[in-house]
């Protein structure tokens, strides 16, 4: 009986040593500063540090649950979506401003070059040629629009 007990105890001791030896992981740093993680460091290793399996990764101080991680992920996703929508909205506004600027400049150029300009009478639907006073007023209006859109 004592022999069986000793052999069982010896097997248990060897098994615990084998389990702990298999879990040893080292952070090996070579002369150039490159890091490598291995069970055995190479001969060219300048610095060797043992890491344990129960050590948290570098830079983490707390562990979070899966629902917490999921909530954080969804929050980041929503923030990113909002930022993308805002960027798209700003781009659309810039494009609209460029388009309005081009139209106002073209209209002003046509007015200043003396091209025939017509408007439609809202009551009768008839076309009315612009006179000099109307052209000057329209040119001032176009200049105001250019100042507004072409910044």
Protein backbone atom coordinates (compact mmCIF):
# COMPACT_ATOMS: atom_id res chain seq x y z
CA UNK A 1 0.00 0.00 0.00
CA UNK A 2 2.70 2.55 0.83
CA UNK A 3 4.33 1.85 -2.53
CA UNK A 4 1.11 2.59 -4.38
CA UNK A 5 0.69 5.78 -2.37
CA UNK A 6 4.25 6.91 -3.18
CA UNK A 7 3.88 6.20 -6.89
CA UNK A 8 0.54 8.03 -6.98
CA UNK A 9 2.04 11.01 -5.16
CA UNK A 10 5.01 11.00 -7.52
CA UNK A 11 2.72 10.90 -10.56
CA UNK A 12 0.66 13.76 -9.17
CA UNK A 13 3.80 15.84 -8.54
CA UNK A 14 5.13 15.15 -12.03
CA UNK A 15 1.76 15.97 -13.56
CA UNK A 16 1.59 19.32 -11.74
CA UNK A 17 5.13 20.15 -12.88
CA UNK A 18 4.32 19.25 -16.47
CA UNK A 19 1.15 21.36 -16.41
CA UNK A 20 2.89 24.41 -14.99
CA UNK A 21 5.88 24.03 -17.30
CA UNK A 22 3.62 23.87 -20.32
CA UNK A 23 1.93 27.12 -19.31
CA UNK A 24 5.14 29.13 -19.07
CA UNK A 25 5.38 31.78 -21.74
CA UNK A 26 8.22 34.25 -22.06
CA UNK A 27 8.46 37.67 -23.63
CA UNK A 28 11.82 37.63 -25.42
CA UNK A 29 13.43 40.90 -26.59
CA UNK A 30 16.37 40.80 -28.99
CA UNK A 31 19.12 43.42 -29.48
CA UNK A 32 17.07 45.37 -32.05
CA UNK A 33 14.12 45.64 -29.63
CA UNK A 34 11.86 43.21 -31.45
CA UNK A 35 9.61 41.24 -29.12
CA UNK A 36 8.73 37.62 -29.46
CA UNK A 37 6.56 35.42 -27.27
CA UNK A 38 7.67 31.84 -26.87
CA UNK A 39 8.01 28.99 -24.39
CA UNK A 40 11.78 29.08 -24.87
CA UNK A 41 13.71 32.23 -25.82
CA UNK A 42 16.37 32.14 -28.54
CA UNK A 43 20.06 32.46 -27.72
CA UNK A 44 20.16 36.00 -29.16
CA UNK A 45 17.66 37.24 -26.56
CA UNK A 46 18.83 40.27 -24.62
CA UNK A 47 15.92 40.48 -22.19
CA UNK A 48 13.61 37.71 -21.06
CA UNK A 49 10.47 38.14 -18.95
CA UNK A 50 8.18 35.35 -17.85
CA UNK A 51 4.49 35.87 -18.44
CA UNK A 52 1.88 33.85 -16.66
CA UNK A 53 -1.35 32.68 -18.21
CA UNK A 54 -3.40 34.44 -15.54
CA UNK A 55 -1.70 37.83 -16.13
CA UNK A 56 -4.00 40.28 -17.91
CA UNK A 57 -2.71 41.69 -21.21
CA UNK A 58 -0.57 44.82 -20.97
CA UNK A 59 -2.60 48.00 -20.62
CA UNK A 60 -5.76 46.36 -19.27
CA UNK A 61 -6.73 46.80 -15.67
CA UNK A 62 -10.24 45.43 -15.59
CA UNK A 63 -12.17 42.74 -17.33
CA UNK A 64 -15.52 43.50 -18.93
CA UNK A 65 -18.44 41.26 -19.53
CA UNK A 66 -19.65 40.37 -22.99
CA UNK A 67 -22.77 42.57 -22.69
CA UNK A 68 -20.58 45.52 -21.63
CA UNK A 69 -18.24 44.96 -24.57
CA UNK A 70 -21.22 44.63 -26.91
CA UNK A 71 -22.76 47.85 -25.59
CA UNK A 72 -19.46 49.70 -26.09
CA UNK A 73 -19.16 48.31 -29.61
CA UNK A 74 -22.71 49.39 -30.49
CA UNK A 75 -22.03 52.85 -29.05
CA UNK A 76 -18.87 53.21 -31.18
CA UNK A 77 -20.81 51.97 -34.19
CA UNK A 78 -23.54 54.58 -33.63
CA UNK A 79 -20.97 57.36 -33.14
CA UNK A 80 -19.22 56.34 -36.35
CA UNK A 81 -22.51 56.26 -38.25
CA UNK A 82 -23.38 59.75 -36.97
CA UNK A 83 -19.94 61.05 -37.96
CA UNK A 84 -20.30 59.53 -41.44
CA UNK A 85 -23.77 61.08 -41.87
CA UNK A 86 -22.46 64.45 -40.71
CA UNK A 87 -19.53 64.27 -43.16
CA UNK A 88 -21.90 63.33 -46.00
CA UNK A 89 -24.24 66.19 -45.10
CA UNK A 90 -21.33 68.67 -45.05
CA UNK A 91 -20.09 67.38 -48.42
CA UNK A 92 -23.57 67.78 -49.93
CA UNK A 93 -23.78 71.35 -48.60
CA UNK A 94 -20.36 72.18 -50.10
CA UNK A 95 -21.40 70.74 -53.47
CA UNK A 96 -24.67 72.69 -53.39
CA UNK A 97 -22.78 75.89 -52.56
CA UNK A 98 -20.38 75.29 -55.47
CA UNK A 99 -23.28 74.66 -57.83
CA UNK A 100 -25.14 77.80 -56.68
CA UNK A 101 -21.92 79.82 -56.95
CA UNK A 102 -21.38 78.69 -60.55
CA UNK A 103 -24.99 79.50 -61.46
CA UNK A 104 -24.84 82.96 -59.87
CA UNK A 105 -21.55 83.78 -61.60
CA UNK A 106 -22.92 82.62 -64.94
CA UNK A 107 -26.05 84.71 -64.47
CA UNK A 108 -24.00 87.79 -63.52
CA UNK A 109 -21.72 87.29 -66.51
CA UNK A 110 -24.73 87.09 -68.83
CA UNK A 111 -26.20 90.26 -67.30
CA UNK A 112 -22.94 92.21 -67.60
CA UNK A 113 -22.32 91.09 -71.19
CA UNK A 114 -25.69 92.51 -72.24
CA UNK A 115 -27.31 89.23 -73.29
CA UNK A 116 -31.03 89.38 -73.75
CA UNK A 117 -32.67 88.35 -70.49
CA UNK A 118 -36.32 87.50 -70.05
CA UNK A 119 -38.59 86.75 -67.15
CA UNK A 120 -41.98 85.13 -67.11
CA UNK A 121 -44.88 87.19 -65.80
CA UNK A 122 -46.45 85.10 -63.01
CA UNK A 123 -49.97 86.38 -63.71
CA UNK A 124 -50.17 86.12 -67.49
CA UNK A 125 -47.31 83.74 -68.23
CA UNK A 126 -45.99 86.11 -70.89
CA UNK A 127 -42.26 86.66 -71.35
CA UNK A 128 -40.97 90.08 -70.41
CA UNK A 129 -37.59 91.42 -71.55
CA UNK A 130 -35.52 92.96 -68.76
CA UNK A 131 -34.89 96.69 -68.97
CA UNK A 132 -31.73 98.46 -67.84
CA UNK A 133 -33.06 99.13 -64.33
CA UNK A 134 -34.16 95.52 -63.90
CA UNK A 135 -30.78 94.29 -65.21
CA UNK A 136 -28.91 96.47 -62.70
CA UNK A 137 -31.10 95.25 -59.84
CA UNK A 138 -30.67 91.64 -60.94
CA UNK A 139 -26.89 92.14 -61.22
CA UNK A 140 -26.81 93.43 -57.63
CA UNK A 141 -28.87 90.46 -56.52
CA UNK A 142 -26.44 88.08 -58.28
CA UNK A 143 -23.48 89.81 -56.60
CA UNK A 144 -25.14 89.28 -53.23
CA UNK A 145 -25.70 85.60 -54.06
CA UNK A 146 -22.07 85.24 -55.17
CA UNK A 147 -20.91 86.73 -51.86
CA UNK A 148 -23.15 84.26 -50.06
CA UNK A 149 -22.29 81.07 -52.01
CA UNK A 150 -18.71 81.60 -53.20
CA UNK A 151 -16.86 81.80 -49.88
